[in-house]
Amino acid sequence: MIYKYQNEEIDLSKVKRLYPAALIELDGEMAEMSLEWMEMNEGKVNLIEYILVFDFTPPKEEVKDKKVLHFDIKEKLMKEMQEVAKLFA
């Protein structure tokens, strides 16, 4: 099944993991963190953006194969997650 978002086409049949996250900056380093971690540490880190990660990496592979969608606010991320979930239902 192909999921279309803006100019992107993502083959959902190849997705190994799908997850929301927050891209944060702390002490000059950028990292991908869970939304729960972000909420617990709000005010201690700088939120760059929200992301939805489509991870195609097979288990035990070291080279990551991901497609990331970027969102400026959490509500847009959550709405897009709901759209993707409909395709898995």
N, C-alpha and C. Protein backbone atom coordinates (compact mmCIF):
# COMPACT_ATOMS: atom_id res chain seq x y z
N MET A 1 0.84 -1.17 0.00
CA MET A 1 0.00 0.00 0.00
C MET A 1 0.89 1.24 0.00
N ILE A 2 0.59 2.16 -0.85
CA ILE A 2 1.36 3.39 -0.98
C ILE A 2 0.65 4.52 -0.24
N TYR A 3 1.40 5.19 0.62
CA TYR A 3 0.89 6.35 1.36
C TYR A 3 1.47 7.60 0.72
N LYS A 4 0.62 8.55 0.41
CA LYS A 4 1.07 9.79 -0.23
C LYS A 4 0.94 10.95 0.74
N TYR A 5 2.02 11.72 0.85
CA TYR A 5 2.04 12.92 1.69
C TYR A 5 2.84 13.97 0.93
N GLN A 6 2.17 15.05 0.59
CA GLN A 6 2.77 16.11 -0.22
C GLN A 6 3.43 15.48 -1.44
N ASN A 7 4.74 15.60 -1.61
CA ASN A 7 5.42 15.04 -2.79
C ASN A 7 6.02 13.67 -2.52
N GLU A 8 5.73 13.10 -1.36
CA GLU A 8 6.32 11.83 -0.95
C GLU A 8 5.38 10.66 -1.24
N GLU A 9 5.97 9.53 -1.60
CA GLU A 9 5.24 8.27 -1.72
C GLU A 9 5.98 7.26 -0.87
N ILE A 10 5.26 6.63 0.07
CA ILE A 10 5.87 5.70 1.01
C ILE A 10 5.16 4.36 0.90
N ASP A 11 5.93 3.31 0.67
CA ASP A 11 5.38 1.96 0.57
C ASP A 11 5.22 1.40 1.98
N LEU A 12 4.01 1.41 2.48
CA LEU A 12 3.75 0.97 3.86
C LEU A 12 4.00 -0.52 4.05
N SER A 13 3.98 -1.30 2.99
CA SER A 13 4.22 -2.73 3.13
C SER A 13 5.66 -3.03 3.52
N LYS A 14 6.55 -2.08 3.33
CA LYS A 14 7.97 -2.27 3.66
C LYS A 14 8.36 -1.67 5.01
N VAL A 15 7.43 -1.00 5.68
CA VAL A 15 7.73 -0.34 6.95
C VAL A 15 7.89 -1.39 8.05
N LYS A 16 9.01 -1.32 8.75
CA LYS A 16 9.27 -2.22 9.88
C LYS A 16 8.81 -1.59 11.19
N ARG A 17 8.98 -0.28 11.30
CA ARG A 17 8.53 0.46 12.49
C ARG A 17 8.01 1.81 12.04
N LEU A 18 6.97 2.26 12.70
CA LEU A 18 6.39 3.58 12.45
C LEU A 18 6.23 4.25 13.80
N TYR A 19 6.79 5.44 13.97
CA TYR A 19 6.68 6.08 15.27
C TYR A 19 6.79 7.60 15.17
N PRO A 20 6.10 8.28 16.10
CA PRO A 20 6.23 9.73 16.19
C PRO A 20 7.42 10.04 17.09
N ALA A 21 7.99 11.21 16.90
CA ALA A 21 9.12 11.62 17.74
C ALA A 21 9.24 13.14 17.71
N ALA A 22 10.12 13.62 18.56
CA ALA A 22 10.46 15.04 18.58
C ALA A 22 11.94 15.15 18.27
N LEU A 23 12.29 16.07 17.40
CA LEU A 23 13.69 16.36 17.14
C LEU A 23 14.06 17.52 18.06
N ILE A 24 15.04 17.27 18.92
CA ILE A 24 15.40 18.26 19.92
C ILE A 24 16.88 18.64 19.79
N GLU A 25 17.21 19.77 20.42
CA GLU A 25 18.59 20.22 20.50
C GLU A 25 18.91 20.43 21.97
N LEU A 26 20.05 19.87 22.39
CA LEU A 26 20.51 20.01 23.76
C LEU A 26 22.03 20.10 23.74
N ASP A 27 22.54 21.17 24.28
CA ASP A 27 23.99 21.39 24.34
C ASP A 27 24.65 21.27 22.97
N GLY A 28 24.01 21.80 21.95
CA GLY A 28 24.57 21.80 20.61
C GLY A 28 24.40 20.51 19.83
N GLU A 29 23.80 19.51 20.43
CA GLU A 29 23.59 18.22 19.77
C GLU A 29 22.11 18.07 19.43
N MET A 30 21.83 17.50 18.25
CA MET A 30 20.44 17.22 17.88
C MET A 30 20.18 15.73 18.05
N ALA A 31 18.97 15.41 18.53
CA ALA A 31 18.61 14.01 18.76
C ALA A 31 17.12 13.82 18.55
N GLU A 32 16.77 12.60 18.21
CA GLU A 32 15.39 12.18 18.04
C GLU A 32 14.95 11.55 19.36
N MET A 33 13.87 12.06 19.95
CA MET A 33 13.38 11.56 21.23
C MET A 33 11.89 11.24 21.13
N SER A 34 11.43 10.38 22.02
CA SER A 34 10.01 10.05 22.05
C SER A 34 9.21 11.28 22.48
N LEU A 35 7.95 11.30 22.10
CA LEU A 35 7.09 12.41 22.51
C LEU A 35 6.94 12.45 24.03
N GLU A 36 6.88 11.29 24.65
CA GLU A 36 6.76 11.22 26.11
C GLU A 36 7.98 11.83 26.78
N TRP A 37 9.16 11.50 26.28
CA TRP A 37 10.40 12.06 26.84
C TRP A 37 10.40 13.56 26.67
N MET A 38 10.00 14.03 25.49
CA MET A 38 9.96 15.46 25.20
C MET A 38 9.05 16.18 26.18
N GLU A 39 7.87 15.62 26.42
CA GLU A 39 6.93 16.26 27.34
C GLU A 39 7.47 16.29 28.77
N MET A 40 8.18 15.24 29.19
CA MET A 40 8.74 15.20 30.54
C MET A 40 9.90 16.18 30.70
N ASN A 41 10.56 16.53 29.60
CA ASN A 41 11.72 17.40 29.65
C ASN A 41 11.49 18.77 29.00
N GLU A 42 10.23 19.09 28.79
CA GLU A 42 9.89 20.37 28.19
C GLU A 42 10.47 21.50 29.04
N GLY A 43 11.06 22.45 28.41
CA GLY A 43 11.69 23.55 29.13
C GLY A 43 13.18 23.31 29.39
N LYS A 44 13.61 22.07 29.31
CA LYS A 44 15.03 21.74 29.51
C LYS A 44 15.76 21.57 28.18
N VAL A 45 14.99 21.34 27.12
CA VAL A 45 15.56 21.12 25.79
C VAL A 45 14.88 22.04 24.79
N ASN A 46 15.52 22.21 23.66
CA ASN A 46 14.98 23.06 22.60
C ASN A 46 14.33 22.16 21.54
N LEU A 47 13.02 22.29 21.38
CA LEU A 47 12.30 21.52 20.36
C LEU A 47 12.57 22.14 19.00
N ILE A 48 13.06 21.31 18.08
CA ILE A 48 13.30 21.76 16.70
C ILE A 48 12.02 21.55 15.88
N GLU A 49 11.49 20.32 15.92
CA GLU A 49 10.28 19.99 15.18
C GLU A 49 9.76 18.63 15.62
N TYR A 50 8.54 18.33 15.21
CA TYR A 50 7.95 17.01 15.41
C TYR A 50 8.16 16.22 14.13
N ILE A 51 8.34 14.90 14.28
CA ILE A 51 8.57 14.07 13.10
C ILE A 51 7.78 12.77 13.19
N LEU A 52 7.47 12.24 12.03
CA LEU A 52 6.86 10.92 11.92
C LEU A 52 7.85 10.08 11.12
N VAL A 53 8.34 9.01 11.75
CA VAL A 53 9.41 8.20 11.17
C VAL A 53 8.86 6.89 10.62
N PHE A 54 9.12 6.66 9.36
CA PHE A 54 8.82 5.40 8.68
C PHE A 54 10.16 4.69 8.57
N ASP A 55 10.37 3.67 9.38
CA ASP A 55 11.66 2.98 9.44
C ASP A 55 11.56 1.68 8.66
N PHE A 56 12.39 1.54 7.63
CA PHE A 56 12.40 0.36 6.77
C PHE A 56 13.54 -0.59 7.12
N THR A 57 14.30 -0.27 8.15
CA THR A 57 15.50 -1.02 8.50
C THR A 57 15.16 -2.41 9.04
N PRO A 58 15.66 -3.46 8.40
CA PRO A 58 15.43 -4.81 8.93
C PRO A 58 16.12 -4.98 10.28
N PRO A 59 15.62 -5.89 11.12
CA PRO A 59 16.25 -6.13 12.42
C PRO A 59 17.73 -6.46 12.27
N LYS A 60 18.51 -5.95 13.19
CA LYS A 60 19.96 -6.19 13.28
C LYS A 60 20.79 -5.53 12.19
N GLU A 61 20.17 -4.74 11.32
CA GLU A 61 20.93 -4.00 10.31
C GLU A 61 21.50 -2.74 10.96
N GLU A 62 22.71 -2.39 10.60
CA GLU A 62 23.35 -1.21 11.19
C GLU A 62 23.05 0.06 10.39
N VAL A 63 22.92 -0.07 9.09
CA VAL A 63 22.64 1.09 8.24
C VAL A 63 21.14 1.35 8.27
N LYS A 64 20.76 2.53 8.74
CA LYS A 64 19.35 2.88 8.89
C LYS A 64 18.76 3.32 7.55
N ASP A 65 17.56 2.85 7.29
CA ASP A 65 16.81 3.21 6.09
C ASP A 65 15.49 3.78 6.58
N LYS A 66 15.37 5.12 6.58
CA LYS A 66 14.19 5.79 7.12
C LYS A 66 13.69 6.85 6.16
N LYS A 67 12.41 7.13 6.29
CA LYS A 67 11.79 8.27 5.64
C LYS A 67 11.13 9.06 6.77
N VAL A 68 11.38 10.36 6.82
CA VAL A 68 10.90 11.19 7.92
C VAL A 68 10.03 12.31 7.38
N LEU A 69 8.85 12.46 7.97
CA LEU A 69 7.97 13.59 7.65
C LEU A 69 8.12 14.61 8.77
N HIS A 70 8.13 15.88 8.43
CA HIS A 70 8.41 16.96 9.38
C HIS A 70 7.17 17.81 9.63
N PHE A 71 6.96 18.17 10.91
CA PHE A 71 5.80 18.96 11.31
C PHE A 71 6.22 20.06 12.29
N ASP A 72 5.60 21.22 12.15
CA ASP A 72 5.94 22.32 13.05
C ASP A 72 5.16 22.27 14.36
N ILE A 73 4.00 21.63 14.35
CA ILE A 73 3.22 21.53 15.59
C ILE A 73 2.74 20.09 15.80
N LYS A 74 2.55 19.75 17.05
CA LYS A 74 2.18 18.38 17.42
C LYS A 74 0.83 17.98 16.84
N GLU A 75 -0.10 18.90 16.75
CA GLU A 75 -1.43 18.60 16.24
C GLU A 75 -1.38 18.11 14.79
N LYS A 76 -0.51 18.69 13.99
CA LYS A 76 -0.37 18.25 12.60
C LYS A 76 0.21 16.84 12.55
N LEU A 77 1.17 16.57 13.40
CA LEU A 77 1.75 15.22 13.49
C LEU A 77 0.68 14.21 13.87
N MET A 78 -0.10 14.51 14.89
CA MET A 78 -1.13 13.58 15.35
C MET A 78 -2.18 13.34 14.27
N LYS A 79 -2.55 14.38 13.56
CA LYS A 79 -3.53 14.24 12.48
C LYS A 79 -2.99 13.33 11.38
N GLU A 80 -1.73 13.51 11.02
CA GLU A 80 -1.14 12.68 9.97
C GLU A 80 -1.01 11.23 10.43
N MET A 81 -0.69 11.02 11.69
CA MET A 81 -0.61 9.66 12.23
C MET A 81 -1.96 8.96 12.11
N GLN A 82 -3.03 9.68 12.36
CA GLN A 82 -4.37 9.11 12.23
C GLN A 82 -4.65 8.71 10.78
N GLU A 83 -4.20 9.51 9.83
CA GLU A 83 -4.39 9.19 8.42
C GLU A 83 -3.64 7.91 8.05
N VAL A 84 -2.43 7.78 8.54
CA VAL A 84 -1.63 6.58 8.26
C VAL A 84 -2.28 5.37 8.91
N ALA A 85 -2.76 5.52 10.15
CA ALA A 85 -3.38 4.41 10.88
C ALA A 85 -4.59 3.86 10.13
N LYS A 86 -5.32 4.72 9.45
CA LYS A 86 -6.49 4.26 8.69
C LYS A 86 -6.09 3.27 7.61
N LEU A 87 -4.90 3.44 7.05
CA LEU A 87 -4.44 2.56 5.98
C LEU A 87 -4.01 1.20 6.53
N PHE A 88 -3.63 1.14 7.79
CA PHE A 88 -3.24 -0.12 8.42
C PHE A 88 -4.45 -0.88 8.95
N ALA A 89 -5.58 -0.21 9.09
CA ALA A 89 -6.78 -0.82 9.67
C ALA A 89 -7.43 -1.81 8.72
